[in-house]
Amino acid sequence: MPDHSDPIVMPIPGDAPHPPSTSGDNFKFVARWTYKNPAGEALFHTVRFEAEGGEKKVLPQILKRTKSGLRWSWGAPLNLACFLVWRN
């Protein structure tokens, strides 16, 4: 399982596993947005989920290199959050 010490992989390589569409709770997958660099390479995703009662959540989805290979992780580390602020 990825942890905070696993390095982030950007851009996302072509042989990366398909990103999951479940968040591990009762929320339903709605949409995924891919953020790209100026060269058009995918860097990370954000994913929107909705619960039956209408509650919504949007989570960043990043690729990490773990001891067992490439794995997707939920949440944004500080450097990714800084990138998003800088980008806007």
C-alpha atoms as a PDB file:
ATOM      1  CA  MET A   1       0.000   0.000   0.000  1.00  0.00           C
ATOM      2  CA  PRO A   2       1.372   3.466  -0.894  1.00  0.00           C
ATOM      3  CA  ASP A   3       2.505   5.722   1.910  1.00  0.00           C
ATOM      4  CA  HIS A   4       3.774   9.286   2.210  1.00  0.00           C
ATOM      5  CA  SER A   5       7.381   8.242   1.590  1.00  0.00           C
ATOM      6  CA  ASP A   6       6.656   6.603  -1.790  1.00  0.00           C
ATOM      7  CA  PRO A   7       7.763   8.860  -4.667  1.00  0.00           C
ATOM      8  CA  ILE A   8       5.132  10.338  -6.968  1.00  0.00           C
ATOM      9  CA  VAL A   9       5.415   9.367 -10.635  1.00  0.00           C
ATOM     10  CA  MET A  10       4.838  12.263 -13.070  1.00  0.00           C
ATOM     11  CA  PRO A  11       4.146  12.148 -15.915  1.00  0.00           C
ATOM     12  CA  ILE A  12       2.043   8.991 -15.798  1.00  0.00           C
ATOM     13  CA  PRO A  13       3.779   6.336 -17.917  1.00  0.00           C
ATOM     14  CA  GLY A  14       1.911   4.430 -20.605  1.00  0.00           C
ATOM     15  CA  ASP A  15       2.335   1.146 -18.726  1.00  0.00           C
ATOM     16  CA  ALA A  16       0.716   2.452 -15.516  1.00  0.00           C
ATOM     17  CA  PRO A  17      -2.155   0.405 -14.100  1.00  0.00           C
ATOM     18  CA  HIS A  18      -5.641   1.725 -14.825  1.00  0.00           C
ATOM     19  CA  PRO A  19      -6.692   4.111 -12.028  1.00  0.00           C
ATOM     20  CA  PRO A  20      -9.416   2.773  -9.721  1.00  0.00           C
ATOM     21  CA  SER A  21     -12.962   4.134  -9.903  1.00  0.00           C
ATOM     22  CA  THR A  22     -13.905   3.222  -6.325  1.00  0.00           C
ATOM     23  CA  SER A  23     -13.076   5.085  -3.146  1.00  0.00           C
ATOM     24  CA  GLY A  24     -13.688   2.213  -0.731  1.00  0.00           C
ATOM     25  CA  ASP A  25     -16.971   3.542   0.629  1.00  0.00           C
ATOM     26  CA  ASN A  26     -20.591   3.853  -0.529  1.00  0.00           C
ATOM     27  CA  PHE A  27     -19.886   6.689  -2.959  1.00  0.00           C
ATOM     28  CA  LYS A  28     -20.543   6.155  -6.677  1.00  0.00           C
ATOM     29  CA  PHE A  29     -17.981   7.150  -9.328  1.00  0.00           C
ATOM     30  CA  VAL A  30     -19.194  10.107 -11.418  1.00  0.00           C
ATOM     31  CA  ALA A  31     -16.243  11.540 -13.369  1.00  0.00           C
ATOM     32  CA  ARG A  32     -12.461  11.718 -13.677  1.00  0.00           C
ATOM     33  CA  TRP A  33     -10.461  14.737 -14.863  1.00  0.00           C
ATOM     34  CA  THR A  34      -6.872  14.428 -16.014  1.00  0.00           C
ATOM     35  CA  TYR A  35      -4.387  17.249 -15.454  1.00  0.00           C
ATOM     36  CA  LYS A  36      -1.646  17.525 -18.069  1.00  0.00           C
ATOM     37  CA  ASN A  37       1.608  19.395 -18.452  1.00  0.00           C
ATOM     38  CA  PRO A  38       2.217  21.793 -21.407  1.00  0.00           C
ATOM     39  CA  ALA A  39       3.532  18.846 -23.475  1.00  0.00           C
ATOM     40  CA  GLY A  40       0.172  17.072 -23.081  1.00  0.00           C
ATOM     41  CA  GLU A  41       1.466  14.351 -20.723  1.00  0.00           C
ATOM     42  CA  ALA A  42      -0.937  13.230 -17.983  1.00  0.00           C
ATOM     43  CA  LEU A  43       0.302  14.155 -14.490  1.00  0.00           C
ATOM     44  CA  PHE A  44      -2.553  13.185 -12.124  1.00  0.00           C
ATOM     45  CA  HIS A  45      -6.335  12.931 -11.910  1.00  0.00           C
ATOM     46  CA  THR A  46      -9.136  14.239  -9.770  1.00  0.00           C
ATOM     47  CA  VAL A  47     -12.167  11.997  -9.300  1.00  0.00           C
ATOM     48  CA  ARG A  48     -15.711  12.947  -8.326  1.00  0.00           C
ATOM     49  CA  PHE A  49     -17.921  10.641  -6.278  1.00  0.00           C
ATOM     50  CA  GLU A  50     -21.511  11.039  -5.104  1.00  0.00           C
ATOM     51  CA  ALA A  51     -23.480   9.308  -2.355  1.00  0.00           C
ATOM     52  CA  GLU A  52     -27.151   8.352  -2.731  1.00  0.00           C
ATOM     53  CA  GLY A  53     -28.147  11.241  -0.454  1.00  0.00           C
ATOM     54  CA  GLY A  54     -26.458  13.767  -2.743  1.00  0.00           C
ATOM     55  CA  GLU A  55     -23.233  14.232  -0.790  1.00  0.00           C
ATOM     56  CA  LYS A  56     -20.295  14.814  -3.137  1.00  0.00           C
ATOM     57  CA  LYS A  57     -16.550  14.492  -2.831  1.00  0.00           C
ATOM     58  CA  VAL A  58     -13.681  15.171  -5.204  1.00  0.00           C
ATOM     59  CA  LEU A  59     -10.382  13.427  -4.521  1.00  0.00           C
ATOM     60  CA  PRO A  60      -6.972  13.837  -6.130  1.00  0.00           C
ATOM     61  CA  GLN A  61      -5.562  10.604  -7.532  1.00  0.00           C
ATOM     62  CA  ILE A  62      -1.790  10.303  -7.890  1.00  0.00           C
ATOM     63  CA  LEU A  63       0.477   7.522  -9.088  1.00  0.00           C
ATOM     64  CA  LYS A  64       3.244   6.377  -6.742  1.00  0.00           C
ATOM     65  CA  ARG A  65       6.178   4.043  -7.081  1.00  0.00           C
ATOM     66  CA  THR A  66       6.030   1.511  -4.245  1.00  0.00           C
ATOM     67  CA  LYS A  67       8.250  -1.456  -3.402  1.00  0.00           C
ATOM     68  CA  SER A  68       5.736  -3.674  -5.215  1.00  0.00           C
ATOM     69  CA  GLY A  69       5.401  -1.454  -8.303  1.00  0.00           C
ATOM     70  CA  LEU A  70       3.246   1.422  -9.509  1.00  0.00           C
ATOM     71  CA  ARG A  71       0.122   2.014  -7.402  1.00  0.00           C
ATOM     72  CA  TRP A  72      -2.585   4.665  -7.361  1.00  0.00           C
ATOM     73  CA  SER A  73      -3.100   6.662  -4.178  1.00  0.00           C
ATOM     74  CA  TRP A  74      -5.825   9.033  -2.958  1.00  0.00           C
ATOM     75  CA  GLY A  75      -4.885  12.437  -1.632  1.00  0.00           C
ATOM     76  CA  ALA A  76      -2.497  15.187  -2.524  1.00  0.00           C
ATOM     77  CA  PRO A  77       0.872  15.613  -0.874  1.00  0.00           C
ATOM     78  CA  LEU A  78       2.059  19.152  -0.188  1.00  0.00           C
ATOM     79  CA  ASN A  79       4.090  19.473  -3.398  1.00  0.00           C
ATOM     80  CA  LEU A  80       1.058  18.554  -5.529  1.00  0.00           C
ATOM     81  CA  ALA A  81      -1.122  21.017  -3.620  1.00  0.00           C
ATOM     82  CA  CYS A  82       1.490  23.718  -4.277  1.00  0.00           C
ATOM     83  CA  PHE A  83       1.459  22.800  -7.990  1.00  0.00           C
ATOM     84  CA  LEU A  84      -2.307  23.261  -8.127  1.00  0.00           C
ATOM     85  CA  VAL A  85      -2.112  26.657  -6.436  1.00  0.00           C
ATOM     86  CA  TRP A  86       0.718  27.767  -8.754  1.00  0.00           C
ATOM     87  CA  ARG A  87      -1.131  26.495 -11.834  1.00  0.00           C
ATOM     88  CA  ASN A  88      -4.222  28.597 -11.068  1.00  0.00           C
END
